[in-house]
N, C-alpha and C. Protein backbone atom coordinates (compact mmCIF):
# COMPACT_ATOMS: atom_id res chain seq x y z
N UNK A 1 116.43 -53.17 12.12
CA UNK A 1 115.69 -54.30 11.60
C UNK A 1 115.29 -53.99 10.16
N UNK A 2 115.50 -54.95 9.29
CA UNK A 2 115.13 -54.75 7.90
C UNK A 2 113.63 -54.89 7.73
N UNK A 3 113.14 -54.38 6.60
CA UNK A 3 111.72 -54.49 6.30
C UNK A 3 111.30 -55.95 6.24
N UNK A 4 112.16 -56.79 5.63
CA UNK A 4 111.85 -58.21 5.52
C UNK A 4 111.75 -58.86 6.90
N UNK A 5 112.67 -58.52 7.81
CA UNK A 5 112.62 -59.07 9.17
C UNK A 5 111.35 -58.64 9.88
N UNK A 6 111.02 -57.36 9.74
CA UNK A 6 109.80 -56.85 10.37
C UNK A 6 108.56 -57.55 9.84
N UNK A 7 108.51 -57.77 8.53
CA UNK A 7 107.37 -58.47 7.93
C UNK A 7 107.29 -59.90 8.45
N UNK A 8 108.43 -60.55 8.56
CA UNK A 8 108.45 -61.93 9.04
C UNK A 8 107.95 -62.01 10.47
N UNK A 9 108.42 -61.10 11.32
CA UNK A 9 107.98 -61.09 12.71
C UNK A 9 106.48 -60.82 12.79
N UNK A 10 105.99 -59.86 12.02
CA UNK A 10 104.55 -59.58 12.02
C UNK A 10 103.75 -60.80 11.56
N UNK A 11 104.25 -61.48 10.52
CA UNK A 11 103.55 -62.68 10.04
C UNK A 11 103.50 -63.76 11.10
N UNK A 12 104.58 -63.91 11.84
CA UNK A 12 104.61 -64.94 12.87
C UNK A 12 103.68 -64.61 14.04
N UNK A 13 103.51 -63.32 14.32
CA UNK A 13 102.68 -62.90 15.44
C UNK A 13 101.21 -62.79 15.07
N UNK A 14 100.91 -62.68 13.80
CA UNK A 14 99.53 -62.52 13.35
C UNK A 14 99.09 -63.78 12.61
N UNK A 15 98.38 -64.68 13.30
CA UNK A 15 97.99 -65.95 12.67
C UNK A 15 97.18 -65.77 11.40
N UNK A 16 96.39 -64.72 11.31
CA UNK A 16 95.56 -64.54 10.12
C UNK A 16 96.40 -64.15 8.91
N UNK A 17 97.59 -63.59 9.13
CA UNK A 17 98.45 -63.18 8.03
C UNK A 17 99.67 -64.08 7.88
N UNK A 18 99.72 -65.13 8.66
CA UNK A 18 100.91 -65.99 8.66
C UNK A 18 101.13 -66.61 7.29
N UNK A 19 102.31 -66.33 6.74
CA UNK A 19 102.64 -66.92 5.44
C UNK A 19 103.81 -67.88 5.56
N UNK A 20 104.39 -67.98 6.74
CA UNK A 20 105.50 -68.88 6.95
C UNK A 20 105.10 -69.98 7.92
N UNK A 21 105.54 -71.14 7.65
CA UNK A 21 105.29 -72.21 8.61
C UNK A 21 106.45 -72.28 9.59
N UNK A 22 106.20 -72.84 10.72
CA UNK A 22 107.24 -73.00 11.73
C UNK A 22 108.39 -73.83 11.17
N UNK A 23 108.06 -74.81 10.35
CA UNK A 23 109.10 -75.65 9.75
C UNK A 23 110.04 -74.81 8.87
N UNK A 24 109.48 -73.89 8.10
CA UNK A 24 110.31 -73.03 7.26
C UNK A 24 111.22 -72.14 8.10
N UNK A 25 110.68 -71.61 9.18
CA UNK A 25 111.47 -70.76 10.06
C UNK A 25 112.62 -71.57 10.67
N UNK A 26 112.32 -72.76 11.16
CA UNK A 26 113.35 -73.60 11.75
C UNK A 26 114.42 -73.99 10.73
N UNK A 27 114.02 -74.24 9.50
CA UNK A 27 115.00 -74.56 8.46
C UNK A 27 115.94 -73.37 8.24
N UNK A 28 115.42 -72.18 8.21
CA UNK A 28 116.24 -70.98 8.03
C UNK A 28 117.16 -70.76 9.23
N UNK A 29 116.63 -70.95 10.43
CA UNK A 29 117.44 -70.80 11.64
C UNK A 29 118.59 -71.79 11.61
N UNK A 30 118.30 -73.03 11.28
CA UNK A 30 119.34 -74.05 11.24
C UNK A 30 120.39 -73.72 10.17
N UNK A 31 119.97 -73.18 9.07
CA UNK A 31 120.91 -72.77 8.02
C UNK A 31 121.85 -71.69 8.55
N UNK A 32 121.30 -70.70 9.25
CA UNK A 32 122.12 -69.62 9.81
C UNK A 32 123.09 -70.13 10.87
N UNK A 33 122.69 -71.14 11.62
CA UNK A 33 123.53 -71.69 12.68
C UNK A 33 124.55 -72.69 12.14
N UNK A 34 124.50 -72.99 10.86
CA UNK A 34 125.44 -73.95 10.29
C UNK A 34 124.97 -75.38 10.44
N UNK A 35 123.66 -75.58 10.47
CA UNK A 35 123.11 -76.92 10.58
C UNK A 35 123.18 -77.43 12.01
N UNK A 36 122.80 -78.70 12.20
CA UNK A 36 122.80 -79.27 13.55
C UNK A 36 124.17 -79.22 14.23
N UNK A 37 125.24 -79.47 13.48
CA UNK A 37 126.58 -79.45 14.08
C UNK A 37 126.95 -78.05 14.54
N UNK A 38 126.59 -77.04 13.75
CA UNK A 38 126.87 -75.65 14.13
C UNK A 38 126.08 -75.25 15.37
N UNK A 39 124.83 -75.65 15.43
CA UNK A 39 124.01 -75.35 16.60
C UNK A 39 124.59 -76.04 17.84
N UNK A 40 124.99 -77.29 17.69
CA UNK A 40 125.58 -78.02 18.81
C UNK A 40 126.87 -77.34 19.29
N UNK A 41 127.71 -76.89 18.35
CA UNK A 41 128.94 -76.19 18.73
C UNK A 41 128.62 -74.91 19.50
N UNK A 42 127.63 -74.16 19.02
CA UNK A 42 127.23 -72.93 19.70
C UNK A 42 126.71 -73.19 21.10
N UNK A 43 125.88 -74.21 21.25
CA UNK A 43 125.36 -74.57 22.57
C UNK A 43 126.49 -74.99 23.50
N UNK A 44 127.44 -75.76 22.98
CA UNK A 44 128.57 -76.22 23.80
C UNK A 44 129.43 -75.04 24.24
N UNK A 45 129.66 -74.09 23.32
CA UNK A 45 130.44 -72.90 23.69
C UNK A 45 129.72 -72.10 24.78
N UNK A 46 128.40 -71.93 24.63
CA UNK A 46 127.63 -71.22 25.65
C UNK A 46 127.67 -71.97 26.97
N UNK A 47 127.52 -73.29 26.92
CA UNK A 47 127.55 -74.11 28.12
C UNK A 47 128.89 -73.95 28.83
N UNK A 48 129.98 -74.09 28.08
CA UNK A 48 131.32 -74.02 28.67
C UNK A 48 131.67 -72.63 29.18
N UNK A 49 131.06 -71.59 28.61
CA UNK A 49 131.39 -70.23 29.03
C UNK A 49 130.67 -69.81 30.31
N UNK A 50 129.78 -70.65 30.79
CA UNK A 50 129.06 -70.36 32.04
C UNK A 50 129.62 -71.19 33.17
N UNK A 51 129.58 -70.66 34.39
CA UNK A 51 130.11 -71.40 35.54
C UNK A 51 129.30 -72.66 35.84
N UNK A 52 129.96 -73.64 36.39
CA UNK A 52 129.30 -74.89 36.80
C UNK A 52 128.15 -74.57 37.74
N UNK A 53 127.02 -75.22 37.50
CA UNK A 53 125.85 -75.04 38.36
C UNK A 53 125.04 -73.80 38.07
N UNK A 54 125.46 -73.01 37.08
CA UNK A 54 124.74 -71.77 36.79
C UNK A 54 123.38 -72.06 36.16
N UNK A 55 122.50 -71.10 36.30
CA UNK A 55 121.16 -71.28 35.72
C UNK A 55 121.23 -71.42 34.20
N UNK A 56 122.20 -70.77 33.56
CA UNK A 56 122.34 -70.91 32.11
C UNK A 56 122.72 -72.33 31.72
N UNK A 57 123.64 -72.93 32.45
CA UNK A 57 124.02 -74.32 32.15
C UNK A 57 122.84 -75.25 32.36
N UNK A 58 122.12 -75.06 33.43
CA UNK A 58 120.95 -75.91 33.70
C UNK A 58 119.90 -75.71 32.62
N UNK A 59 119.68 -74.47 32.20
CA UNK A 59 118.70 -74.19 31.15
C UNK A 59 119.09 -74.85 29.83
N UNK A 60 120.37 -74.77 29.47
CA UNK A 60 120.84 -75.40 28.23
C UNK A 60 120.60 -76.91 28.30
N UNK A 61 120.96 -77.51 29.42
CA UNK A 61 120.79 -78.95 29.59
C UNK A 61 119.32 -79.33 29.52
N UNK A 62 118.47 -78.60 30.22
CA UNK A 62 117.05 -78.95 30.24
C UNK A 62 116.40 -78.71 28.88
N UNK A 63 116.85 -77.69 28.15
CA UNK A 63 116.31 -77.46 26.80
C UNK A 63 116.68 -78.60 25.86
N UNK A 64 117.91 -79.09 25.99
CA UNK A 64 118.33 -80.22 25.15
C UNK A 64 117.49 -81.45 25.48
N UNK A 65 117.30 -81.71 26.76
CA UNK A 65 116.50 -82.87 27.17
C UNK A 65 115.07 -82.72 26.68
N UNK A 66 114.50 -81.52 26.80
CA UNK A 66 113.14 -81.29 26.30
C UNK A 66 113.07 -81.53 24.80
N UNK A 67 114.09 -81.09 24.09
CA UNK A 67 114.13 -81.32 22.64
C UNK A 67 114.18 -82.80 22.32
N UNK A 68 114.96 -83.53 23.09
CA UNK A 68 115.05 -84.98 22.86
C UNK A 68 113.71 -85.66 23.13
N UNK A 69 112.97 -85.14 24.09
CA UNK A 69 111.66 -85.72 24.39
C UNK A 69 110.69 -85.51 23.23
N UNK A 70 110.92 -84.48 22.44
CA UNK A 70 110.03 -84.18 21.32
C UNK A 70 110.34 -85.01 20.08
N UNK A 71 111.47 -85.71 20.12
CA UNK A 71 111.87 -86.51 18.96
C UNK A 71 110.81 -87.58 18.72
N UNK A 72 110.31 -87.61 17.50
CA UNK A 72 109.30 -88.60 17.15
C UNK A 72 109.98 -89.66 16.29
N UNK A 73 110.52 -90.66 16.95
CA UNK A 73 111.26 -91.70 16.26
C UNK A 73 110.34 -92.88 15.96
N UNK A 74 110.34 -93.30 14.72
CA UNK A 74 109.54 -94.47 14.35
C UNK A 74 110.37 -95.74 14.41
N UNK A 75 111.67 -95.61 14.56
CA UNK A 75 112.56 -96.76 14.66
C UNK A 75 112.67 -97.18 16.12
N UNK A 76 112.24 -98.38 16.41
CA UNK A 76 112.26 -98.88 17.79
C UNK A 76 113.65 -98.81 18.40
N UNK A 77 114.69 -99.07 17.59
CA UNK A 77 116.06 -99.06 18.10
C UNK A 77 116.50 -97.66 18.52
N UNK A 78 115.90 -96.63 17.93
CA UNK A 78 116.30 -95.27 18.23
C UNK A 78 115.32 -94.57 19.17
N UNK A 79 114.31 -95.28 19.64
CA UNK A 79 113.31 -94.68 20.50
C UNK A 79 113.95 -94.16 21.79
N UNK A 80 113.50 -93.00 22.23
CA UNK A 80 114.03 -92.37 23.43
C UNK A 80 113.07 -92.64 24.58
N UNK A 81 113.57 -93.19 25.67
CA UNK A 81 112.76 -93.45 26.84
C UNK A 81 112.71 -92.17 27.68
N UNK A 82 111.52 -91.61 27.82
CA UNK A 82 111.33 -90.36 28.52
C UNK A 82 111.81 -90.46 29.96
N UNK A 83 111.57 -91.57 30.61
CA UNK A 83 112.00 -91.74 32.00
C UNK A 83 113.52 -91.73 32.10
N UNK A 84 114.21 -92.34 31.13
CA UNK A 84 115.67 -92.30 31.11
C UNK A 84 116.16 -90.86 30.94
N UNK A 85 115.49 -90.11 30.07
CA UNK A 85 115.87 -88.71 29.86
C UNK A 85 115.66 -87.88 31.12
N UNK A 86 114.55 -88.12 31.80
CA UNK A 86 114.29 -87.38 33.04
C UNK A 86 115.35 -87.70 34.09
N UNK A 87 115.71 -88.98 34.19
CA UNK A 87 116.72 -89.38 35.16
C UNK A 87 118.07 -88.76 34.82
N UNK A 88 118.41 -88.74 33.53
CA UNK A 88 119.67 -88.14 33.10
C UNK A 88 119.68 -86.64 33.38
N UNK A 89 118.59 -85.97 33.09
CA UNK A 89 118.50 -84.53 33.35
C UNK A 89 118.63 -84.24 34.84
N UNK A 90 117.97 -85.04 35.66
CA UNK A 90 118.05 -84.86 37.11
C UNK A 90 119.49 -85.06 37.59
N UNK A 91 120.16 -86.09 37.07
CA UNK A 91 121.54 -86.37 37.45
C UNK A 91 122.45 -85.20 37.06
N UNK A 92 122.30 -84.70 35.85
CA UNK A 92 123.13 -83.58 35.38
C UNK A 92 122.89 -82.34 36.23
N UNK A 93 121.63 -82.03 36.52
CA UNK A 93 121.33 -80.85 37.31
C UNK A 93 121.86 -80.98 38.74
N UNK A 94 121.78 -82.19 39.30
CA UNK A 94 122.32 -82.40 40.65
C UNK A 94 123.84 -82.24 40.65
N UNK A 95 124.51 -82.75 39.60
CA UNK A 95 125.96 -82.60 39.50
C UNK A 95 126.33 -81.12 39.36
N UNK A 96 125.59 -80.39 38.54
CA UNK A 96 125.87 -78.97 38.35
C UNK A 96 125.63 -78.19 39.64
N UNK A 97 124.56 -78.56 40.36
CA UNK A 97 124.26 -77.88 41.63
C UNK A 97 125.36 -78.17 42.66
N UNK A 98 125.86 -79.40 42.67
CA UNK A 98 126.93 -79.77 43.59
C UNK A 98 128.19 -78.99 43.28
N UNK A 99 128.49 -78.80 42.00
CA UNK A 99 129.68 -78.01 41.60
C UNK A 99 129.55 -76.57 42.06
N UNK A 100 128.34 -76.03 41.97
CA UNK A 100 128.11 -74.65 42.36
C UNK A 100 128.27 -74.47 43.86
N UNK A 101 127.93 -75.50 44.63
CA UNK A 101 127.99 -75.43 46.08
C UNK A 101 129.42 -75.48 46.62
N UNK A 102 130.34 -75.95 45.78
CA UNK A 102 131.74 -76.11 46.24
C UNK A 102 132.48 -74.81 46.23
């Protein structure tokens, strides 16, 4: 671990010394992942590399759904219905569980 990485981790863990905002950290993470498209490609590769119904696939799916629930959309046309997301997540997890049972 580099000195800079160690300092960053310490800053994140010590609120009194925090010099980075979460937004800055997320911007850097997204840059390293190649932006939203790069992150999506990485998640898809991880999803596909795990067996159907596996806990990793379910975790990836539920994390994506949780992220979508956090979207704060001010455009009514783009608003996400939480109940629709929950139903979709339940359907996906049931399908994955059924695949695992076969």
